[in-house]
């Protein structure tokens, strides 16, 4: 009985940790191409190592970009305007220099 409880707890913890990563990977696979170069709209990000789509709807999206060399992690919020995705807002979540010390879940570095 104890083994089943321990196994259930372990599986529950794994699901809590893994499901958000799987969700982001699915969203990135489905919609990522639309936001591949969206970081350029900031005028401050030149190159990214990778990006993940955190949320997506018909008119809004939230994409996380990790800059070249993992210097910064940035959320860029997009809104569809006249059928095209435009940057609505930008938020630097974390930075190696310490100028931003936010948090995102799931973690990407």
PDB file of N, CA and C in Angstrom:
ATOM      1  N   UNK A   1       0.818  -1.204   0.000  1.00  0.00           N
ATOM      2  CA  UNK A   1       0.000   0.000   0.000  1.00  0.00           C
ATOM      3  C   UNK A   1       0.858   1.262   0.000  1.00  0.00           C
ATOM      4  N   UNK A   2       1.931   1.271   0.823  1.00  0.00           N
ATOM      5  CA  UNK A   2       2.813   2.432   0.885  1.00  0.00           C
ATOM      6  C   UNK A   2       3.507   2.664  -0.450  1.00  0.00           C
ATOM      7  N   UNK A   3       3.863   1.576  -1.117  1.00  0.00           N
ATOM      8  CA  UNK A   3       4.541   1.694  -2.411  1.00  0.00           C
ATOM      9  C   UNK A   3       3.621   2.345  -3.445  1.00  0.00           C
ATOM     10  N   UNK A   4       2.335   2.008  -3.408  1.00  0.00           N
ATOM     11  CA  UNK A   4       1.377   2.609  -4.340  1.00  0.00           C
ATOM     12  C   UNK A   4       1.211   4.095  -4.075  1.00  0.00           C
ATOM     13  N   UNK A   5       1.189   4.471  -2.805  1.00  0.00           N
ATOM     14  CA  UNK A   5       1.056   5.890  -2.449  1.00  0.00           C
ATOM     15  C   UNK A   5       2.296   6.658  -2.901  1.00  0.00           C
ATOM     16  N   UNK A   6       3.467   6.092  -2.626  1.00  0.00           N
ATOM     17  CA  UNK A   6       4.720   6.744  -3.034  1.00  0.00           C
ATOM     18  C   UNK A   6       4.785   6.853  -4.552  1.00  0.00           C
ATOM     19  N   UNK A   7       4.419   5.789  -5.245  1.00  0.00           N
ATOM     20  CA  UNK A   7       4.419   5.814  -6.707  1.00  0.00           C
ATOM     21  C   UNK A   7       3.427   6.858  -7.226  1.00  0.00           C
ATOM     22  N   UNK A   8       2.257   6.933  -6.616  1.00  0.00           N
ATOM     23  CA  UNK A   8       1.255   7.929  -7.008  1.00  0.00           C
ATOM     24  C   UNK A   8       1.760   9.353  -6.810  1.00  0.00           C
ATOM     25  N   UNK A   9       2.432   9.598  -5.693  1.00  0.00           N
ATOM     26  CA  UNK A   9       2.991  10.927  -5.417  1.00  0.00           C
ATOM     27  C   UNK A   9       4.070  11.266  -6.439  1.00  0.00           C
ATOM     28  N   UNK A  10       4.940  10.314  -6.735  1.00  0.00           N
ATOM     29  CA  UNK A  10       6.008  10.544  -7.718  1.00  0.00           C
ATOM     30  C   UNK A  10       5.415  10.847  -9.092  1.00  0.00           C
ATOM     31  N   UNK A  11       4.433  10.078  -9.502  1.00  0.00           N
ATOM     32  CA  UNK A  11       3.785  10.313 -10.796  1.00  0.00           C
ATOM     33  C   UNK A  11       3.103  11.671 -10.800  1.00  0.00           C
ATOM     34  N   UNK A  12       2.434  12.035  -9.707  1.00  0.00           N
ATOM     35  CA  UNK A  12       1.776  13.334  -9.605  1.00  0.00           C
ATOM     36  C   UNK A  12       2.769  14.482  -9.734  1.00  0.00           C
ATOM     37  N   UNK A  13       3.899  14.364  -9.054  1.00  0.00           N
ATOM     38  CA  UNK A  13       4.927  15.404  -9.126  1.00  0.00           C
ATOM     39  C   UNK A  13       5.485  15.504 -10.545  1.00  0.00           C
ATOM     40  N   UNK A  14       5.759  14.377 -11.158  1.00  0.00           N
ATOM     41  CA  UNK A  14       6.270  14.380 -12.536  1.00  0.00           C
ATOM     42  C   UNK A  14       5.283  15.048 -13.494  1.00  0.00           C
ATOM     43  N   UNK A  15       3.997  14.767 -13.318  1.00  0.00           N
ATOM     44  CA  UNK A  15       2.989  15.381 -14.177  1.00  0.00           C
ATOM     45  C   UNK A  15       2.939  16.891 -13.982  1.00  0.00           C
ATOM     46  N   UNK A  16       3.006  17.335 -12.733  1.00  0.00           N
ATOM     47  CA  UNK A  16       2.972  18.765 -12.446  1.00  0.00           C
ATOM     48  C   UNK A  16       4.164  19.463 -13.084  1.00  0.00           C
ATOM     49  N   UNK A  17       5.319  18.808 -13.075  1.00  0.00           N
ATOM     50  CA  UNK A  17       6.528  19.409 -13.634  1.00  0.00           C
ATOM     51  C   UNK A  17       6.552  19.309 -15.165  1.00  0.00           C
ATOM     52  N   UNK A  18       6.147  18.188 -15.709  1.00  0.00           N
ATOM     53  CA  UNK A  18       6.295  17.951 -17.142  1.00  0.00           C
ATOM     54  C   UNK A  18       5.185  18.532 -18.014  1.00  0.00           C
ATOM     55  N   UNK A  19       3.963  18.570 -17.524  1.00  0.00           N
ATOM     56  CA  UNK A  19       2.836  19.020 -18.351  1.00  0.00           C
ATOM     57  C   UNK A  19       3.034  20.423 -18.914  1.00  0.00           C
ATOM     58  N   UNK A  20       3.504  21.405 -18.128  1.00  0.00           N
ATOM     59  CA  UNK A  20       3.712  22.738 -18.714  1.00  0.00           C
ATOM     60  C   UNK A  20       4.755  22.745 -19.852  1.00  0.00           C
ATOM     61  N   UNK A  21       5.817  21.966 -19.719  1.00  0.00           N
ATOM     62  CA  UNK A  21       6.809  21.875 -20.794  1.00  0.00           C
ATOM     63  C   UNK A  21       6.197  21.267 -22.051  1.00  0.00           C
ATOM     64  N   UNK A  22       5.412  20.229 -21.861  1.00  0.00           N
ATOM     65  CA  UNK A  22       4.764  19.576 -23.001  1.00  0.00           C
ATOM     66  C   UNK A  22       3.791  20.536 -23.671  1.00  0.00           C
ATOM     67  N   UNK A  23       3.016  21.273 -22.876  1.00  0.00           N
ATOM     68  CA  UNK A  23       2.074  22.260 -23.414  1.00  0.00           C
ATOM     69  C   UNK A  23       2.808  23.296 -24.251  1.00  0.00           C
ATOM     70  N   UNK A  24       3.910  23.850 -23.709  1.00  0.00           N
ATOM     71  CA  UNK A  24       4.672  24.864 -24.438  1.00  0.00           C
ATOM     72  C   UNK A  24       5.284  24.303 -25.716  1.00  0.00           C
ATOM     73  N   UNK A  25       5.758  23.068 -25.659  1.00  0.00           N
ATOM     74  CA  UNK A  25       6.327  22.455 -26.862  1.00  0.00           C
ATOM     75  C   UNK A  25       5.260  22.242 -27.932  1.00  0.00           C
ATOM     76  N   UNK A  26       4.070  21.849 -27.522  1.00  0.00           N
ATOM     77  CA  UNK A  26       2.983  21.654 -28.488  1.00  0.00           C
ATOM     78  C   UNK A  26       2.593  22.994 -29.118  1.00  0.00           C
ATOM     79  N   UNK A  27       2.437  24.038 -28.279  1.00  0.00           N
ATOM     80  CA  UNK A  27       2.099  25.364 -28.806  1.00  0.00           C
ATOM     81  C   UNK A  27       3.193  25.887 -29.732  1.00  0.00           C
ATOM     82  N   UNK A  28       4.446  25.664 -29.364  1.00  0.00           N
ATOM     83  CA  UNK A  28       5.562  26.112 -30.199  1.00  0.00           C
ATOM     84  C   UNK A  28       5.571  25.356 -31.523  1.00  0.00           C
ATOM     85  N   UNK A  29       5.309  24.069 -31.479  1.00  0.00           N
ATOM     86  CA  UNK A  29       5.258  23.268 -32.702  1.00  0.00           C
ATOM     87  C   UNK A  29       4.133  23.746 -33.627  1.00  0.00           C
ATOM     88  N   UNK A  30       2.972  24.024 -33.037  1.00  0.00           N
ATOM     89  CA  UNK A  30       1.809  24.422 -33.839  1.00  0.00           C
ATOM     90  C   UNK A  30       1.892  25.860 -34.359  1.00  0.00           C
ATOM     91  N   UNK A  31       2.347  26.797 -33.509  1.00  0.00           N
ATOM     92  CA  UNK A  31       2.253  28.220 -33.839  1.00  0.00           C
ATOM     93  C   UNK A  31       3.597  28.953 -33.865  1.00  0.00           C
ATOM     94  N   UNK A  32       4.658  28.279 -33.513  1.00  0.00           N
ATOM     95  CA  UNK A  32       5.959  28.922 -33.367  1.00  0.00           C
ATOM     96  C   UNK A  32       6.478  29.626 -34.600  1.00  0.00           C
ATOM     97  N   UNK A  33       6.228  29.069 -35.755  1.00  0.00           N
ATOM     98  CA  UNK A  33       6.746  29.674 -36.986  1.00  0.00           C
ATOM     99  C   UNK A  33       6.254  31.114 -37.154  1.00  0.00           C
ATOM    100  N   UNK A  34       5.054  31.408 -36.691  1.00  0.00           N
ATOM    101  CA  UNK A  34       4.502  32.765 -36.802  1.00  0.00           C
ATOM    102  C   UNK A  34       5.288  33.773 -35.968  1.00  0.00           C
ATOM    103  N   UNK A  35       5.978  33.291 -34.928  1.00  0.00           N
ATOM    104  CA  UNK A  35       6.661  34.179 -33.994  1.00  0.00           C
ATOM    105  C   UNK A  35       8.179  34.035 -34.047  1.00  0.00           C
ATOM    106  N   UNK A  36       8.653  33.302 -35.041  1.00  0.00           N
ATOM    107  CA  UNK A  36      10.086  33.016 -35.165  1.00  0.00           C
ATOM    108  C   UNK A  36      10.937  34.283 -35.087  1.00  0.00           C
ATOM    109  N   UNK A  37      10.528  35.330 -35.757  1.00  0.00           N
ATOM    110  CA  UNK A  37      11.293  36.576 -35.783  1.00  0.00           C
ATOM    111  C   UNK A  37      10.608  37.712 -35.024  1.00  0.00           C
ATOM    112  N   UNK A  38       9.632  37.391 -34.203  1.00  0.00           N
ATOM    113  CA  UNK A  38       8.886  38.404 -33.474  1.00  0.00           C
ATOM    114  C   UNK A  38       9.730  39.221 -32.517  1.00  0.00           C
ATOM    115  N   UNK A  39      10.825  38.653 -32.043  1.00  0.00           N
ATOM    116  CA  UNK A  39      11.706  39.364 -31.115  1.00  0.00           C
ATOM    117  C   UNK A  39      12.313  40.626 -31.731  1.00  0.00           C
ATOM    118  N   UNK A  40      12.404  40.667 -33.042  1.00  0.00           N
ATOM    119  CA  UNK A  40      13.015  41.819 -33.720  1.00  0.00           C
ATOM    120  C   UNK A  40      12.212  43.101 -33.525  1.00  0.00           C
ATOM    121  N   UNK A  41      10.935  42.948 -33.200  1.00  0.00           N
ATOM    122  CA  UNK A  41      10.087  44.126 -32.987  1.00  0.00           C
ATOM    123  C   UNK A  41      10.498  44.929 -31.757  1.00  0.00           C
ATOM    124  N   UNK A  42      11.258  44.330 -30.853  1.00  0.00           N
ATOM    125  CA  UNK A  42      11.681  45.063 -29.660  1.00  0.00           C
ATOM    126  C   UNK A  42      12.718  46.124 -29.999  1.00  0.00           C
ATOM    127  N   UNK A  43      13.503  45.884 -31.041  1.00  0.00           N
ATOM    128  CA  UNK A  43      14.587  46.792 -31.384  1.00  0.00           C
ATOM    129  C   UNK A  43      15.787  46.643 -30.466  1.00  0.00           C
ATOM    130  N   UNK A  44      15.706  45.735 -29.499  1.00  0.00           N
ATOM    131  CA  UNK A  44      16.808  45.551 -28.552  1.00  0.00           C
ATOM    132  C   UNK A  44      17.394  44.144 -28.583  1.00  0.00           C
ATOM    133  N   UNK A  45      16.687  43.210 -29.153  1.00  0.00           N
ATOM    134  CA  UNK A  45      17.158  41.824 -29.209  1.00  0.00           C
ATOM    135  C   UNK A  45      17.627  41.542 -30.627  1.00  0.00           C
ATOM    136  N   UNK A  46      18.892  41.110 -30.749  1.00  0.00           N
ATOM    137  CA  UNK A  46      19.467  40.843 -32.070  1.00  0.00           C
ATOM    138  C   UNK A  46      19.381  39.377 -32.471  1.00  0.00           C
ATOM    139  N   UNK A  47      19.675  38.487 -31.517  1.00  0.00           N
ATOM    140  CA  UNK A  47      19.731  37.056 -31.809  1.00  0.00           C
ATOM    141  C   UNK A  47      19.126  36.299 -30.631  1.00  0.00           C
ATOM    142  N   UNK A  48      18.412  35.224 -30.919  1.00  0.00           N
ATOM    143  CA  UNK A  48      17.883  34.375 -29.849  1.00  0.00           C
ATOM    144  C   UNK A  48      18.421  32.960 -30.007  1.00  0.00           C
ATOM    145  N   UNK A  49      18.607  32.301 -28.877  1.00  0.00           N
ATOM    146  CA  UNK A  49      19.009  30.891 -28.888  1.00  0.00           C
ATOM    147  C   UNK A  49      17.801  30.007 -29.181  1.00  0.00           C
ATOM    148  N   UNK A  50      16.673  30.354 -28.566  1.00  0.00           N
ATOM    149  CA  UNK A  50      15.438  29.614 -28.826  1.00  0.00           C
ATOM    150  C   UNK A  50      14.266  30.419 -28.292  1.00  0.00           C
ATOM    151  N   UNK A  51      13.066  29.953 -28.613  1.00  0.00           N
ATOM    152  CA  UNK A  51      11.845  30.601 -28.140  1.00  0.00           C
ATOM    153  C   UNK A  51      10.781  29.545 -27.895  1.00  0.00           C
ATOM    154  N   UNK A  52       9.830  29.875 -27.035  1.00  0.00           N
ATOM    155  CA  UNK A  52       8.728  28.974 -26.707  1.00  0.00           C
ATOM    156  C   UNK A  52       7.433  29.771 -26.655  1.00  0.00           C
ATOM    157  N   UNK A  53       6.398  29.233 -27.263  1.00  0.00           N
ATOM    158  CA  UNK A  53       5.076  29.849 -27.197  1.00  0.00           C
ATOM    159  C   UNK A  53       4.437  29.391 -25.893  1.00  0.00           C
ATOM    160  N   UNK A  54       4.146  30.346 -25.000  1.00  0.00           N
ATOM    161  CA  UNK A  54       3.552  30.045 -23.701  1.00  0.00           C
ATOM    162  C   UNK A  54       2.030  30.029 -23.757  1.00  0.00           C
ATOM    163  N   UNK A  55       1.464  30.922 -24.564  1.00  0.00           N
ATOM    164  CA  UNK A  55       0.002  30.917 -24.723  1.00  0.00           C
ATOM    165  C   UNK A  55      -0.332  31.442 -26.108  1.00  0.00           C
ATOM    166  N   UNK A  56      -1.483  30.994 -26.606  1.00  0.00           N
ATOM    167  CA  UNK A  56      -1.906  31.373 -27.941  1.00  0.00           C
ATOM    168  C   UNK A  56      -3.424  31.363 -28.011  1.00  0.00           C
ATOM    169  N   UNK A  57      -3.969  32.422 -28.615  1.00  0.00           N
ATOM    170  CA  UNK A  57      -5.386  32.460 -28.951  1.00  0.00           C
ATOM    171  C   UNK A  57      -5.491  33.106 -30.327  1.00  0.00           C
ATOM    172  N   UNK A  58      -6.689  33.247 -30.826  1.00  0.00           N
ATOM    173  CA  UNK A  58      -6.881  33.834 -32.159  1.00  0.00           C
ATOM    174  C   UNK A  58      -6.294  35.236 -32.280  1.00  0.00           C
ATOM    175  N   UNK A  59      -6.308  35.997 -31.173  1.00  0.00           N
ATOM    176  CA  UNK A  59      -5.900  37.406 -31.249  1.00  0.00           C
ATOM    177  C   UNK A  59      -4.731  37.792 -30.355  1.00  0.00           C
ATOM    178  N   UNK A  60      -4.291  36.907 -29.476  1.00  0.00           N
ATOM    179  CA  UNK A  60      -3.193  37.233 -28.578  1.00  0.00           C
ATOM    180  C   UNK A  60      -2.273  36.035 -28.382  1.00  0.00           C
ATOM    181  N   UNK A  61      -0.994  36.348 -28.125  1.00  0.00           N
ATOM    182  CA  UNK A  61      -0.021  35.292 -27.862  1.00  0.00           C
ATOM    183  C   UNK A  61       1.048  35.814 -26.908  1.00  0.00           C
ATOM    184  N   UNK A  62       1.625  34.876 -26.168  1.00  0.00           N
ATOM    185  CA  UNK A  62       2.710  35.188 -25.238  1.00  0.00           C
ATOM    186  C   UNK A  62       3.862  34.253 -25.579  1.00  0.00           C
ATOM    187  N   UNK A  63       5.006  34.851 -25.950  1.00  0.00           N
ATOM    188  CA  UNK A  63       6.146  34.065 -26.410  1.00  0.00           C
ATOM    189  C   UNK A  63       7.366  34.418 -25.560  1.00  0.00           C
ATOM    190  N   UNK A  64       8.114  33.391 -25.161  1.00  0.00           N
ATOM    191  CA  UNK A  64       9.316  33.570 -24.360  1.00  0.00           C
ATOM    192  C   UNK A  64      10.533  33.374 -25.252  1.00  0.00           C
ATOM    193  N   UNK A  65      11.412  34.379 -25.301  1.00  0.00           N
ATOM    194  CA  UNK A  65      12.627  34.335 -26.107  1.00  0.00           C
ATOM    195  C   UNK A  65      13.844  34.330 -25.188  1.00  0.00           C
ATOM    196  N   UNK A  66      14.761  33.401 -25.427  1.00  0.00           N
ATOM    197  CA  UNK A  66      16.020  33.360 -24.697  1.00  0.00           C
ATOM    198  C   UNK A  66      17.096  33.877 -25.638  1.00  0.00           C
ATOM    199  N   UNK A  67      17.731  34.980 -25.221  1.00  0.00           N
ATOM    200  CA  UNK A  67      18.698  35.669 -26.079  1.00  0.00           C
ATOM    201  C   UNK A  67      20.007  34.904 -26.225  1.00  0.00           C
ATOM    202  N   UNK A  68      20.734  35.280 -27.252  1.00  0.00           N
ATOM    203  CA  UNK A  68      22.017  34.687 -27.590  1.00  0.00           C
ATOM    204  C   UNK A  68      22.916  34.577 -26.358  1.00  0.00           C
ATOM    205  N   UNK A  69      23.448  33.395 -26.130  1.00  0.00           N
ATOM    206  CA  UNK A  69      24.319  33.164 -24.990  1.00  0.00           C
ATOM    207  C   UNK A  69      23.570  33.090 -23.673  1.00  0.00           C
ATOM    208  N   UNK A  70      22.257  32.989 -23.747  1.00  0.00           N
ATOM    209  CA  UNK A  70      21.406  32.923 -22.555  1.00  0.00           C
ATOM    210  C   UNK A  70      21.621  34.137 -21.649  1.00  0.00           C
ATOM    211  N   UNK A  71      21.808  35.288 -22.288  1.00  0.00           N
ATOM    212  CA  UNK A  71      22.021  36.534 -21.550  1.00  0.00           C
ATOM    213  C   UNK A  71      20.744  37.025 -20.870  1.00  0.00           C
ATOM    214  N   UNK A  72      19.616  36.911 -21.573  1.00  0.00           N
ATOM    215  CA  UNK A  72      18.340  37.356 -21.011  1.00  0.00           C
ATOM    216  C   UNK A  72      17.225  36.409 -21.423  1.00  0.00           C
ATOM    217  N   UNK A  73      16.153  36.450 -20.663  1.00  0.00           N
ATOM    218  CA  UNK A  73      14.916  35.754 -21.003  1.00  0.00           C
ATOM    219  C   UNK A  73      13.811  36.791 -21.050  1.00  0.00           C
ATOM    220  N   UNK A  74      13.045  36.803 -22.151  1.00  0.00           N
ATOM    221  CA  UNK A  74      12.089  37.879 -22.386  1.00  0.00           C
ATOM    222  C   UNK A  74      10.735  37.358 -22.826  1.00  0.00           C
ATOM    223  N   UNK A  75       9.695  37.870 -22.194  1.00  0.00           N
ATOM    224  CA  UNK A  75       8.352  37.618 -22.680  1.00  0.00           C
ATOM    225  C   UNK A  75       7.991  38.744 -23.638  1.00  0.00           C
ATOM    226  N   UNK A  76       7.474  38.362 -24.776  1.00  0.00           N
ATOM    227  CA  UNK A  76       6.923  39.345 -25.700  1.00  0.00           C
ATOM    228  C   UNK A  76       5.462  38.965 -25.913  1.00  0.00           C
ATOM    229  N   UNK A  77       4.598  39.946 -25.713  1.00  0.00           N
ATOM    230  CA  UNK A  77       3.159  39.764 -25.848  1.00  0.00           C
ATOM    231  C   UNK A  77       2.736  40.319 -27.196  1.00  0.00           C
ATOM    232  N   UNK A  78       2.027  39.504 -27.965  1.00  0.00           N
ATOM    233  CA  UNK A  78       1.601  39.888 -29.302  1.00  0.00           C
ATOM    234  C   UNK A  78       0.089  40.014 -29.370  1.00  0.00           C
ATOM    235  N   UNK A  79      -0.348  40.892 -30.261  1.00  0.00           N
ATOM    236  CA  UNK A  79      -1.774  41.061 -30.537  1.00  0.00           C
ATOM    237  C   UNK A  79      -1.930  41.090 -32.051  1.00  0.00           C
ATOM    238  N   UNK A  80      -2.976  40.461 -32.532  1.00  0.00           N
ATOM    239  CA  UNK A  80      -3.227  40.448 -33.971  1.00  0.00           C
ATOM    240  C   UNK A  80      -3.922  41.750 -34.356  1.00  0.00           C
ATOM    241  N   UNK A  81      -3.307  42.483 -35.278  1.00  0.00           N
ATOM    242  CA  UNK A  81      -3.832  43.752 -35.763  1.00  0.00           C
ATOM    243  C   UNK A  81      -3.914  43.668 -37.289  1.00  0.00           C
ATOM    244  N   UNK A  82      -5.113  43.826 -37.815  1.00  0.00           N
ATOM    245  CA  UNK A  82      -5.331  43.734 -39.263  1.00  0.00           C
ATOM    246  C   UNK A  82      -4.748  42.445 -39.848  1.00  0.00           C
ATOM    247  N   UNK A  83      -4.921  41.354 -39.118  1.00  0.00           N
ATOM    248  CA  UNK A  83      -4.479  40.048 -39.602  1.00  0.00           C
ATOM    249  C   UNK A  83      -3.004  39.760 -39.417  1.00  0.00           C
ATOM    250  N   UNK A  84      -2.249  40.676 -38.789  1.00  0.00           N
ATOM    251  CA  UNK A  84      -0.811  40.469 -38.589  1.00  0.00           C
ATOM    252  C   UNK A  84      -0.480  40.567 -37.104  1.00  0.00           C
ATOM    253  N   UNK A  85       0.490  39.760 -36.675  1.00  0.00           N
ATOM    254  CA  UNK A  85       0.918  39.775 -35.287  1.00  0.00           C
ATOM    255  C   UNK A  85       1.838  40.963 -35.032  1.00  0.00           C
ATOM    256  N   UNK A  86       1.489  41.756 -34.031  1.00  0.00           N
ATOM    257  CA  UNK A  86       2.277  42.928 -33.642  1.00  0.00           C
ATOM    258  C   UNK A  86       2.608  42.843 -32.157  1.00  0.00           C
ATOM    259  N   UNK A  87       3.799  43.320 -31.801  1.00  0.00           N
ATOM    260  CA  UNK A  87       4.192  43.336 -30.398  1.00  0.00           C
ATOM    261  C   UNK A  87       3.306  44.306 -29.628  1.00  0.00           C
ATOM    262  N   UNK A  88       2.726  43.827 -28.559  1.00  0.00           N
ATOM    263  CA  UNK A  88       1.884  44.653 -27.694  1.00  0.00           C
ATOM    264  C   UNK A  88       2.673  45.129 -26.482  1.00  0.00           C
ATOM    265  N   UNK A  89       3.503  44.226 -25.935  1.00  0.00           N
ATOM    266  CA  UNK A  89       4.277  44.549 -24.748  1.00  0.00           C
ATOM    267  C   UNK A  89       5.502  43.652 -24.704  1.00  0.00           C
ATOM    268  N   UNK A  90       6.456  44.036 -23.867  1.00  0.00           N
ATOM    269  CA  UNK A  90       7.725  43.341 -23.775  1.00  0.00           C
ATOM    270  C   UNK A  90       8.163  43.361 -22.317  1.00  0.00           C
ATOM    271  N   UNK A  91       8.665  42.228 -21.811  1.00  0.00           N
ATOM    272  CA  UNK A  91       9.069  42.168 -20.419  1.00  0.00           C
ATOM    273  C   UNK A  91      10.312  41.291 -20.285  1.00  0.00           C
ATOM    274  N   UNK A  92      11.411  41.885 -19.832  1.00  0.00           N
ATOM    275  CA  UNK A  92      12.628  41.120 -19.562  1.00  0.00           C
ATOM    276  C   UNK A  92      12.447  40.440 -18.213  1.00  0.00           C
ATOM    277  N   UNK A  93      12.401  39.117 -18.210  1.00  0.00           N
ATOM    278  CA  UNK A  93      12.123  38.350 -16.998  1.00  0.00           C
ATOM    279  C   UNK A  93      13.392  38.093 -16.195  1.00  0.00           C
ATOM    280  N   UNK A  94      14.474  37.720 -16.868  1.00  0.00           N
ATOM    281  CA  UNK A  94      15.722  37.485 -16.158  1.00  0.00           C
ATOM    282  C   UNK A  94      16.899  37.889 -17.022  1.00  0.00           C
ATOM    283  N   UNK A  95      18.004  38.202 -16.340  1.00  0.00           N
ATOM    284  CA  UNK A  95      19.199  38.665 -17.019  1.00  0.00           C
ATOM    285  C   UNK A  95      20.429  38.206 -16.264  1.00  0.00           C
ATOM    286  N   UNK A  96      21.470  37.830 -17.002  1.00  0.00           N
ATOM    287  CA  UNK A  96      22.724  37.438 -16.371  1.00  0.00           C
ATOM    288  C   UNK A  96      23.342  38.604 -15.604  1.00  0.00           C
ATOM    289  N   UNK A  97      23.059  39.816 -16.034  1.00  0.00           N
ATOM    290  CA  UNK A  97      23.641  40.977 -15.374  1.00  0.00           C
ATOM    291  C   UNK A  97      22.924  41.311 -14.075  1.00  0.00           C
ATOM    292  N   UNK A  98      21.799  40.683 -13.828  1.00  0.00           N
ATOM    293  CA  UNK A  98      21.061  40.929 -12.593  1.00  0.00           C
ATOM    294  C   UNK A  98      20.093  42.086 -12.682  1.00  0.00           C
ATOM    295  N   UNK A  99      19.971  42.679 -13.873  1.00  0.00           N
ATOM    296  CA  UNK A  99      19.071  43.822 -14.019  1.00  0.00           C
ATOM    297  C   UNK A  99      17.602  43.401 -14.069  1.00  0.00           C
ATOM    298  N   UNK A 100      17.358  42.118 -14.212  1.00  0.00           N
ATOM    299  CA  UNK A 100      15.995  41.587 -14.180  1.00  0.00           C
ATOM    300  C   UNK A 100      16.046  40.261 -13.432  1.00  0.00           C
ATOM    301  N   UNK A 101      15.198  40.103 -12.473  1.00  0.00           N
ATOM    302  CA  UNK A 101      15.259  38.882 -11.665  1.00  0.00           C
ATOM    303  C   UNK A 101      13.870  38.285 -11.474  1.00  0.00           C
ATOM    304  N   UNK A 102      13.123  38.230 -12.561  1.00  0.00           N
ATOM    305  CA  UNK A 102      11.791  37.661 -12.490  1.00  0.00           C
ATOM    306  C   UNK A 102      11.815  36.149 -12.541  1.00  0.00           C
ATOM    307  N   UNK A 103      10.644  35.581 -12.677  1.00  0.00           N
ATOM    308  CA  UNK A 103      10.489  34.135 -12.632  1.00  0.00           C
ATOM    309  C   UNK A 103       9.475  33.717 -13.690  1.00  0.00           C
ATOM    310  N   UNK A 104       9.712  32.594 -14.288  1.00  0.00           N
ATOM    311  CA  UNK A 104       8.743  32.024 -15.212  1.00  0.00           C
ATOM    312  C   UNK A 104       8.619  30.531 -14.934  1.00  0.00           C
ATOM    313  N   UNK A 105       7.412  30.035 -15.076  1.00  0.00           N
ATOM    314  CA  UNK A 105       7.204  28.593 -14.950  1.00  0.00           C
ATOM    315  C   UNK A 105       6.471  28.109 -16.180  1.00  0.00           C
ATOM    316  N   UNK A 106       6.967  27.110 -16.831  1.00  0.00           N
ATOM    317  CA  UNK A 106       8.150  26.342 -16.501  1.00  0.00           C
ATOM    318  C   UNK A 106       9.435  27.127 -16.773  1.00  0.00           C
ATOM    319  N   UNK A 107      10.511  26.675 -16.148  1.00  0.00           N
ATOM    320  CA  UNK A 107      11.791  27.366 -16.264  1.00  0.00           C
ATOM    321  C   UNK A 107      12.466  27.057 -17.590  1.00  0.00           C
ATOM    322  N   UNK A 108      12.999  28.070 -18.208  1.00  0.00           N
ATOM    323  CA  UNK A 108      13.839  27.918 -19.401  1.00  0.00           C
ATOM    324  C   UNK A 108      15.053  28.797 -19.218  1.00  0.00           C
ATOM    325  N   UNK A 109      16.228  28.258 -19.463  1.00  0.00           N
ATOM    326  CA  UNK A 109      17.469  29.035 -19.373  1.00  0.00           C
ATOM    327  C   UNK A 109      18.398  28.718 -20.497  1.00  0.00           C
TER     328      UNK A 109
END
